[in-house]
């Protein structure tokens, strides 16, 4: 069981906890220096995903507009060509 835990953590549990504490202190210091709070990161990611979501649907709307504009020429041309080729 201990070997499985060590394999999962990558090291012994005590050494892993010490490494996590040291990295947490460094990251916390850097975030404090740049005045970044955890909620700022969370809201930034959330806003990024929402903005991407809304822009994506806006892009799909533009594709739909292109489809309708193109169809106003292509569909009548297709029907006319089918009628002309039907006579043969």
PDB file of N, CA and C in Angstrom:
ATOM      1  N   UNK A   1       0.833  -1.195   0.000  1.00  0.00           N
ATOM      2  CA  UNK A   1       0.000   0.000   0.000  1.00  0.00           C
ATOM      3  C   UNK A   1       0.873   1.253   0.000  1.00  0.00           C
ATOM      4  N   UNK A   2       1.934   1.243   0.795  1.00  0.00           N
ATOM      5  CA  UNK A   2       2.817   2.409   0.875  1.00  0.00           C
ATOM      6  C   UNK A   2       3.494   2.668  -0.461  1.00  0.00           C
ATOM      7  N   UNK A   3       3.860   1.598  -1.171  1.00  0.00           N
ATOM      8  CA  UNK A   3       4.479   1.767  -2.481  1.00  0.00           C
ATOM      9  C   UNK A   3       3.508   2.409  -3.469  1.00  0.00           C
ATOM     10  N   UNK A   4       2.235   2.044  -3.385  1.00  0.00           N
ATOM     11  CA  UNK A   4       1.237   2.633  -4.278  1.00  0.00           C
ATOM     12  C   UNK A   4       1.052   4.111  -3.991  1.00  0.00           C
ATOM     13  N   UNK A   5       1.042   4.481  -2.691  1.00  0.00           N
ATOM     14  CA  UNK A   5       0.904   5.894  -2.320  1.00  0.00           C
ATOM     15  C   UNK A   5       2.127   6.669  -2.788  1.00  0.00           C
ATOM     16  N   UNK A   6       3.312   6.116  -2.572  1.00  0.00           N
ATOM     17  CA  UNK A   6       4.537   6.778  -3.021  1.00  0.00           C
ATOM     18  C   UNK A   6       4.565   6.931  -4.537  1.00  0.00           C
ATOM     19  N   UNK A   7       4.098   5.917  -5.245  1.00  0.00           N
ATOM     20  CA  UNK A   7       4.067   6.002  -6.704  1.00  0.00           C
ATOM     21  C   UNK A   7       3.069   7.068  -7.154  1.00  0.00           C
ATOM     22  N   UNK A   8       1.917   7.144  -6.479  1.00  0.00           N
ATOM     23  CA  UNK A   8       0.904   8.143  -6.831  1.00  0.00           C
ATOM     24  C   UNK A   8       1.410   9.558  -6.560  1.00  0.00           C
ATOM     25  N   UNK A   9       2.041   9.775  -5.408  1.00  0.00           N
ATOM     26  CA  UNK A   9       2.509  11.107  -5.027  1.00  0.00           C
ATOM     27  C   UNK A   9       3.827  11.474  -5.697  1.00  0.00           C
ATOM     28  N   UNK A  10       4.588  10.468  -6.155  1.00  0.00           N
ATOM     29  CA  UNK A  10       5.868  10.743  -6.765  1.00  0.00           C
ATOM     30  C   UNK A  10       7.000  10.766  -5.759  1.00  0.00           C
ATOM     31  N   UNK A  11       6.708  10.669  -4.493  1.00  0.00           N
ATOM     32  CA  UNK A  11       7.686  10.676  -3.407  1.00  0.00           C
ATOM     33  C   UNK A  11       6.964  10.251  -2.135  1.00  0.00           C
ATOM     34  N   UNK A  12       7.657  10.282  -1.033  1.00  0.00           N
ATOM     35  CA  UNK A  12       7.002   9.939   0.229  1.00  0.00           C
ATOM     36  C   UNK A  12       6.010  11.032   0.596  1.00  0.00           C
ATOM     37  N   UNK A  13       4.987  10.703   1.378  1.00  0.00           N
ATOM     38  CA  UNK A  13       3.990  11.712   1.739  1.00  0.00           C
ATOM     39  C   UNK A  13       4.589  12.923   2.461  1.00  0.00           C
ATOM     40  N   UNK A  14       5.541  12.711   3.350  1.00  0.00           N
ATOM     41  CA  UNK A  14       6.132  13.835   4.086  1.00  0.00           C
ATOM     42  C   UNK A  14       6.891  14.774   3.149  1.00  0.00           C
ATOM     43  N   UNK A  15       7.690  14.199   2.262  1.00  0.00           N
ATOM     44  CA  UNK A  15       8.449  15.038   1.317  1.00  0.00           C
ATOM     45  C   UNK A  15       7.496  15.766   0.365  1.00  0.00           C
ATOM     46  N   UNK A  16       6.428  15.107  -0.050  1.00  0.00           N
ATOM     47  CA  UNK A  16       5.453  15.743  -0.935  1.00  0.00           C
ATOM     48  C   UNK A  16       4.778  16.917  -0.233  1.00  0.00           C
ATOM     49  N   UNK A  17       4.424  16.763   1.036  1.00  0.00           N
ATOM     50  CA  UNK A  17       3.796  17.856   1.791  1.00  0.00           C
ATOM     51  C   UNK A  17       4.756  19.033   1.922  1.00  0.00           C
ATOM     52  N   UNK A  18       6.027  18.762   2.198  1.00  0.00           N
ATOM     53  CA  UNK A  18       7.024  19.838   2.310  1.00  0.00           C
ATOM     54  C   UNK A  18       7.171  20.561   0.977  1.00  0.00           C
ATOM     55  N   UNK A  19       7.238  19.810  -0.124  1.00  0.00           N
ATOM     56  CA  UNK A  19       7.347  20.430  -1.449  1.00  0.00           C
ATOM     57  C   UNK A  19       6.133  21.304  -1.746  1.00  0.00           C
ATOM     58  N   UNK A  20       4.945  20.817  -1.413  1.00  0.00           N
ATOM     59  CA  UNK A  20       3.727  21.588  -1.663  1.00  0.00           C
ATOM     60  C   UNK A  20       3.698  22.861  -0.825  1.00  0.00           C
ATOM     61  N   UNK A  21       4.177  22.790   0.412  1.00  0.00           N
ATOM     62  CA  UNK A  21       4.213  23.985   1.274  1.00  0.00           C
ATOM     63  C   UNK A  21       5.176  25.016   0.699  1.00  0.00           C
ATOM     64  N   UNK A  22       6.356  24.576   0.262  1.00  0.00           N
ATOM     65  CA  UNK A  22       7.348  25.508  -0.291  1.00  0.00           C
ATOM     66  C   UNK A  22       6.811  26.162  -1.570  1.00  0.00           C
ATOM     67  N   UNK A  23       6.251  25.369  -2.456  1.00  0.00           N
ATOM     68  CA  UNK A  23       5.712  25.917  -3.710  1.00  0.00           C
ATOM     69  C   UNK A  23       4.541  26.853  -3.417  1.00  0.00           C
ATOM     70  N   UNK A  24       3.700  26.514  -2.451  1.00  0.00           N
ATOM     71  CA  UNK A  24       2.570  27.380  -2.093  1.00  0.00           C
ATOM     72  C   UNK A  24       3.052  28.725  -1.562  1.00  0.00           C
ATOM     73  N   UNK A  25       4.109  28.706  -0.753  1.00  0.00           N
ATOM     74  CA  UNK A  25       4.671  29.969  -0.251  1.00  0.00           C
ATOM     75  C   UNK A  25       5.216  30.833  -1.382  1.00  0.00           C
ATOM     76  N   UNK A  26       5.928  30.209  -2.315  1.00  0.00           N
ATOM     77  CA  UNK A  26       6.499  30.961  -3.441  1.00  0.00           C
ATOM     78  C   UNK A  26       5.392  31.545  -4.311  1.00  0.00           C
ATOM     79  N   UNK A  27       4.404  30.725  -4.657  1.00  0.00           N
ATOM     80  CA  UNK A  27       3.298  31.198  -5.501  1.00  0.00           C
ATOM     81  C   UNK A  27       2.498  32.270  -4.777  1.00  0.00           C
ATOM     82  N   UNK A  28       2.262  32.091  -3.479  1.00  0.00           N
ATOM     83  CA  UNK A  28       1.538  33.106  -2.707  1.00  0.00           C
ATOM     84  C   UNK A  28       2.290  34.423  -2.659  1.00  0.00           C
ATOM     85  N   UNK A  29       3.606  34.367  -2.513  1.00  0.00           N
ATOM     86  CA  UNK A  29       4.414  35.589  -2.502  1.00  0.00           C
ATOM     87  C   UNK A  29       4.334  36.307  -3.848  1.00  0.00           C
ATOM     88  N   UNK A  30       4.496  35.556  -4.934  1.00  0.00           N
ATOM     89  CA  UNK A  30       4.450  36.152  -6.270  1.00  0.00           C
ATOM     90  C   UNK A  30       3.078  36.761  -6.539  1.00  0.00           C
ATOM     91  N   UNK A  31       2.019  36.047  -6.150  1.00  0.00           N
ATOM     92  CA  UNK A  31       0.664  36.577  -6.367  1.00  0.00           C
ATOM     93  C   UNK A  31       0.430  37.838  -5.550  1.00  0.00           C
ATOM     94  N   UNK A  32       0.978  37.895  -4.336  1.00  0.00           N
ATOM     95  CA  UNK A  32       0.822  39.088  -3.506  1.00  0.00           C
ATOM     96  C   UNK A  32       1.590  40.266  -4.098  1.00  0.00           C
ATOM     97  N   UNK A  33       2.781  40.009  -4.619  1.00  0.00           N
ATOM     98  CA  UNK A  33       3.582  41.074  -5.232  1.00  0.00           C
ATOM     99  C   UNK A  33       2.835  41.680  -6.419  1.00  0.00           C
ATOM    100  N   UNK A  34       2.199  40.840  -7.227  1.00  0.00           N
ATOM    101  CA  UNK A  34       1.473  41.332  -8.403  1.00  0.00           C
ATOM    102  C   UNK A  34       0.018  41.660  -8.099  1.00  0.00           C
ATOM    103  N   UNK A  35      -0.369  41.610  -6.839  1.00  0.00           N
ATOM    104  CA  UNK A  35      -1.721  41.937  -6.375  1.00  0.00           C
ATOM    105  C   UNK A  35      -2.790  41.132  -7.117  1.00  0.00           C
ATOM    106  N   UNK A  36      -2.545  39.846  -7.204  1.00  0.00           N
ATOM    107  CA  UNK A  36      -3.492  38.924  -7.827  1.00  0.00           C
ATOM    108  C   UNK A  36      -4.072  38.050  -6.723  1.00  0.00           C
ATOM    109  N   UNK A  37      -5.376  37.984  -6.675  1.00  0.00           N
ATOM    110  CA  UNK A  37      -6.063  37.161  -5.685  1.00  0.00           C
ATOM    111  C   UNK A  37      -6.612  35.917  -6.368  1.00  0.00           C
ATOM    112  N   UNK A  38      -6.808  34.830  -5.611  1.00  0.00           N
ATOM    113  CA  UNK A  38      -7.344  33.600  -6.230  1.00  0.00           C
ATOM    114  C   UNK A  38      -8.673  33.827  -6.941  1.00  0.00           C
ATOM    115  N   UNK A  39      -9.540  34.672  -6.379  1.00  0.00           N
ATOM    116  CA  UNK A  39     -10.825  34.923  -7.038  1.00  0.00           C
ATOM    117  C   UNK A  39     -10.638  35.675  -8.349  1.00  0.00           C
ATOM    118  N   UNK A  40      -9.600  36.516  -8.436  1.00  0.00           N
ATOM    119  CA  UNK A  40      -9.316  37.199  -9.697  1.00  0.00           C
ATOM    120  C   UNK A  40      -8.975  36.188 -10.791  1.00  0.00           C
ATOM    121  N   UNK A  41      -8.200  35.184 -10.426  1.00  0.00           N
ATOM    122  CA  UNK A  41      -7.848  34.135 -11.389  1.00  0.00           C
ATOM    123  C   UNK A  41      -9.104  33.366 -11.799  1.00  0.00           C
ATOM    124  N   UNK A  42      -9.918  33.002 -10.823  1.00  0.00           N
ATOM    125  CA  UNK A  42     -11.147  32.262 -11.114  1.00  0.00           C
ATOM    126  C   UNK A  42     -12.077  33.072 -12.018  1.00  0.00           C
ATOM    127  N   UNK A  43     -12.303  34.339 -11.673  1.00  0.00           N
ATOM    128  CA  UNK A  43     -13.187  35.173 -12.490  1.00  0.00           C
ATOM    129  C   UNK A  43     -12.594  35.449 -13.865  1.00  0.00           C
ATOM    130  N   UNK A  44     -11.278  35.556 -13.945  1.00  0.00           N
ATOM    131  CA  UNK A  44     -10.631  35.746 -15.246  1.00  0.00           C
ATOM    132  C   UNK A  44     -10.848  34.563 -16.159  1.00  0.00           C
ATOM    133  N   UNK A  45     -10.706  33.361 -15.615  1.00  0.00           N
ATOM    134  CA  UNK A  45     -10.941  32.158 -16.412  1.00  0.00           C
ATOM    135  C   UNK A  45     -12.408  32.062 -16.804  1.00  0.00           C
ATOM    136  N   UNK A  46     -13.296  32.357 -15.852  1.00  0.00           N
ATOM    137  CA  UNK A  46     -14.730  32.310 -16.146  1.00  0.00           C
ATOM    138  C   UNK A  46     -15.101  33.318 -17.231  1.00  0.00           C
ATOM    139  N   UNK A  47     -14.601  34.550 -17.120  1.00  0.00           N
ATOM    140  CA  UNK A  47     -14.899  35.570 -18.124  1.00  0.00           C
ATOM    141  C   UNK A  47     -14.328  35.206 -19.483  1.00  0.00           C
ATOM    142  N   UNK A  48     -13.136  34.591 -19.486  1.00  0.00           N
ATOM    143  CA  UNK A  48     -12.540  34.164 -20.746  1.00  0.00           C
ATOM    144  C   UNK A  48     -13.418  33.124 -21.438  1.00  0.00           C
ATOM    145  N   UNK A  49     -13.883  32.137 -20.678  1.00  0.00           N
ATOM    146  CA  UNK A  49     -14.725  31.081 -21.262  1.00  0.00           C
ATOM    147  C   UNK A  49     -16.056  31.659 -21.744  1.00  0.00           C
ATOM    148  N   UNK A  50     -16.650  32.544 -20.954  1.00  0.00           N
ATOM    149  CA  UNK A  50     -17.922  33.146 -21.371  1.00  0.00           C
ATOM    150  C   UNK A  50     -17.750  34.007 -22.616  1.00  0.00           C
ATOM    151  N   UNK A  51     -16.668  34.770 -22.673  1.00  0.00           N
ATOM    152  CA  UNK A  51     -16.410  35.616 -23.839  1.00  0.00           C
ATOM    153  C   UNK A  51     -16.180  34.749 -25.080  1.00  0.00           C
ATOM    154  N   UNK A  52     -15.432  33.685 -24.906  1.00  0.00           N
ATOM    155  CA  UNK A  52     -15.199  32.762 -26.014  1.00  0.00           C
ATOM    156  C   UNK A  52     -16.503  32.123 -26.464  1.00  0.00           C
ATOM    157  N   UNK A  53     -17.350  31.774 -25.504  1.00  0.00           N
ATOM    158  CA  UNK A  53     -18.650  31.172 -25.806  1.00  0.00           C
ATOM    159  C   UNK A  53     -19.515  32.136 -26.619  1.00  0.00           C
ATOM    160  N   UNK A  54     -19.595  33.391 -26.155  1.00  0.00           N
ATOM    161  CA  UNK A  54     -20.443  34.361 -26.849  1.00  0.00           C
ATOM    162  C   UNK A  54     -19.882  34.722 -28.221  1.00  0.00           C
ATOM    163  N   UNK A  55     -18.589  34.876 -28.307  1.00  0.00           N
ATOM    164  CA  UNK A  55     -17.994  35.180 -29.612  1.00  0.00           C
ATOM    165  C   UNK A  55     -18.154  34.008 -30.570  1.00  0.00           C
ATOM    166  N   UNK A  56     -18.116  32.807 -30.044  1.00  0.00           N
ATOM    167  CA  UNK A  56     -18.290  31.626 -30.887  1.00  0.00           C
ATOM    168  C   UNK A  56     -19.657  31.599 -31.533  1.00  0.00           C
ATOM    169  N   UNK A  57     -20.693  31.893 -30.747  1.00  0.00           N
ATOM    170  CA  UNK A  57     -22.037  31.925 -31.309  1.00  0.00           C
ATOM    171  C   UNK A  57     -22.215  33.113 -32.244  1.00  0.00           C
ATOM    172  N   UNK A  58     -21.514  34.200 -31.968  1.00  0.00           N
ATOM    173  CA  UNK A  58     -21.574  35.346 -32.873  1.00  0.00           C
ATOM    174  C   UNK A  58     -20.940  34.968 -34.210  1.00  0.00           C
ATOM    175  N   UNK A  59     -19.841  34.208 -34.153  1.00  0.00           N
ATOM    176  CA  UNK A  59     -19.199  33.754 -35.385  1.00  0.00           C
ATOM    177  C   UNK A  59     -20.109  32.800 -36.141  1.00  0.00           C
ATOM    178  N   UNK A  60     -20.812  31.923 -35.403  1.00  0.00           N
ATOM    179  CA  UNK A  60     -21.754  31.033 -36.068  1.00  0.00           C
ATOM    180  C   UNK A  60     -22.893  31.812 -36.709  1.00  0.00           C
ATOM    181  N   UNK A  61     -23.307  32.905 -36.064  1.00  0.00           N
ATOM    182  CA  UNK A  61     -24.334  33.765 -36.655  1.00  0.00           C
ATOM    183  C   UNK A  61     -23.860  34.381 -37.953  1.00  0.00           C
ATOM    184  N   UNK A  62     -22.590  34.780 -38.008  1.00  0.00           N
ATOM    185  CA  UNK A  62     -22.030  35.336 -39.240  1.00  0.00           C
ATOM    186  C   UNK A  62     -21.989  34.272 -40.327  1.00  0.00           C
ATOM    187  N   UNK A  63     -21.653  33.035 -39.966  1.00  0.00           N
ATOM    188  CA  UNK A  63     -21.657  31.943 -40.946  1.00  0.00           C
ATOM    189  C   UNK A  63     -23.071  31.727 -41.466  1.00  0.00           C
ATOM    190  N   UNK A  64     -24.048  31.809 -40.579  1.00  0.00           N
ATOM    191  CA  UNK A  64     -25.440  31.686 -41.013  1.00  0.00           C
ATOM    192  C   UNK A  64     -25.836  32.793 -41.975  1.00  0.00           C
ATOM    193  N   UNK A  65     -25.376  34.011 -41.707  1.00  0.00           N
ATOM    194  CA  UNK A  65     -25.651  35.124 -42.626  1.00  0.00           C
ATOM    195  C   UNK A  65     -25.032  34.862 -43.994  1.00  0.00           C
ATOM    196  N   UNK A  66     -23.786  34.377 -44.007  1.00  0.00           N
ATOM    197  CA  UNK A  66     -23.132  34.062 -45.280  1.00  0.00           C
ATOM    198  C   UNK A  66     -23.888  32.970 -46.025  1.00  0.00           C
ATOM    199  N   UNK A  67     -24.399  32.006 -45.275  1.00  0.00           N
ATOM    200  CA  UNK A  67     -25.147  30.912 -45.889  1.00  0.00           C
ATOM    201  C   UNK A  67     -26.415  31.430 -46.556  1.00  0.00           C
ATOM    202  N   UNK A  68     -27.144  32.298 -45.884  1.00  0.00           N
ATOM    203  CA  UNK A  68     -28.386  32.832 -46.446  1.00  0.00           C
ATOM    204  C   UNK A  68     -28.102  33.694 -47.665  1.00  0.00           C
ATOM    205  N   UNK A  69     -27.097  34.550 -47.582  1.00  0.00           N
ATOM    206  CA  UNK A  69     -26.762  35.423 -48.716  1.00  0.00           C
ATOM    207  C   UNK A  69     -26.331  34.587 -49.916  1.00  0.00           C
ATOM    208  N   UNK A  70     -25.499  33.587 -49.681  1.00  0.00           N
ATOM    209  CA  UNK A  70     -25.062  32.722 -50.782  1.00  0.00           C
ATOM    210  C   UNK A  70     -26.198  31.907 -51.356  1.00  0.00           C
ATOM    211  N   UNK A  71     -27.101  31.464 -50.487  1.00  0.00           N
ATOM    212  CA  UNK A  71     -28.219  30.646 -50.950  1.00  0.00           C
ATOM    213  C   UNK A  71     -29.164  31.431 -51.842  1.00  0.00           C
ATOM    214  N   UNK A  72     -29.244  32.739 -51.670  1.00  0.00           N
ATOM    215  CA  UNK A  72     -30.126  33.545 -52.529  1.00  0.00           C
ATOM    216  C   UNK A  72     -29.661  33.524 -53.981  1.00  0.00           C
ATOM    217  N   UNK A  73     -28.394  33.234 -54.218  1.00  0.00           N
ATOM    218  CA  UNK A  73     -27.886  33.130 -55.586  1.00  0.00           C
ATOM    219  C   UNK A  73     -27.801  31.665 -56.020  1.00  0.00           C
ATOM    220  N   UNK A  74     -27.314  30.812 -55.129  1.00  0.00           N
ATOM    221  CA  UNK A  74     -27.026  29.424 -55.501  1.00  0.00           C
ATOM    222  C   UNK A  74     -28.308  28.626 -55.746  1.00  0.00           C
ATOM    223  N   UNK A  75     -29.310  28.760 -54.908  1.00  0.00           N
ATOM    224  CA  UNK A  75     -30.531  27.951 -55.038  1.00  0.00           C
ATOM    225  C   UNK A  75     -31.264  28.267 -56.347  1.00  0.00           C
ATOM    226  N   UNK A  76     -31.517  29.543 -56.668  1.00  0.00           N
ATOM    227  CA  UNK A  76     -32.167  29.800 -57.968  1.00  0.00           C
ATOM    228  C   UNK A  76     -31.322  29.341 -59.158  1.00  0.00           C
ATOM    229  N   UNK A  77     -29.995  29.519 -59.068  1.00  0.00           N
ATOM    230  CA  UNK A  77     -29.137  29.065 -60.165  1.00  0.00           C
ATOM    231  C   UNK A  77     -29.212  27.547 -60.296  1.00  0.00           C
ATOM    232  N   UNK A  78     -29.239  26.837 -59.181  1.00  0.00           N
ATOM    233  CA  UNK A  78     -29.356  25.380 -59.202  1.00  0.00           C
ATOM    234  C   UNK A  78     -30.683  24.954 -59.837  1.00  0.00           C
ATOM    235  N   UNK A  79     -31.757  25.612 -59.441  1.00  0.00           N
ATOM    236  CA  UNK A  79     -33.079  25.256 -59.990  1.00  0.00           C
ATOM    237  C   UNK A  79     -33.111  25.524 -61.488  1.00  0.00           C
ATOM    238  N   UNK A  80     -32.589  26.660 -61.912  1.00  0.00           N
ATOM    239  CA  UNK A  80     -32.576  26.982 -63.354  1.00  0.00           C
ATOM    240  C   UNK A  80     -31.736  25.963 -64.117  1.00  0.00           C
ATOM    241  N   UNK A  81     -30.563  25.615 -63.612  1.00  0.00           N
ATOM    242  CA  UNK A  81     -29.711  24.631 -64.280  1.00  0.00           C
ATOM    243  C   UNK A  81     -30.383  23.263 -64.328  1.00  0.00           C
ATOM    244  N   UNK A  82     -31.104  22.880 -63.274  1.00  0.00           N
ATOM    245  CA  UNK A  82     -31.795  21.591 -63.272  1.00  0.00           C
ATOM    246  C   UNK A  82     -32.932  21.597 -64.299  1.00  0.00           C
ATOM    247  N   UNK A  83     -33.643  22.717 -64.403  1.00  0.00           N
ATOM    248  CA  UNK A  83     -34.731  22.812 -65.379  1.00  0.00           C
ATOM    249  C   UNK A  83     -34.179  22.737 -66.806  1.00  0.00           C
ATOM    250  N   UNK A  84     -33.079  23.445 -67.045  1.00  0.00           N
ATOM    251  CA  UNK A  84     -32.476  23.422 -68.389  1.00  0.00           C
ATOM    252  C   UNK A  84     -31.904  22.041 -68.734  1.00  0.00           C
ATOM    253  N   UNK A  85     -31.355  21.352 -67.771  1.00  0.00           N
ATOM    254  CA  UNK A  85     -30.796  20.022 -68.050  1.00  0.00           C
ATOM    255  C   UNK A  85     -31.905  18.968 -68.112  1.00  0.00           C
ATOM    256  N   UNK A  86     -33.096  19.242 -67.604  1.00  0.00           N
ATOM    257  CA  UNK A  86     -34.209  18.321 -67.636  1.00  0.00           C
ATOM    258  C   UNK A  86     -34.760  18.195 -69.048  1.00  0.00           C
ATOM    259  N   UNK A  87     -34.649  19.254 -69.843  1.00  0.00           N
ATOM    260  CA  UNK A  87     -35.165  19.245 -71.207  1.00  0.00           C
ATOM    261  C   UNK A  87     -34.409  18.268 -72.095  1.00  0.00           C
ATOM    262  N   UNK A  88     -33.173  17.999 -71.802  1.00  0.00           N
ATOM    263  CA  UNK A  88     -32.349  17.148 -72.668  1.00  0.00           C
ATOM    264  C   UNK A  88     -32.703  15.734 -72.535  1.00  0.00           C
TER     265      UNK A  88
END
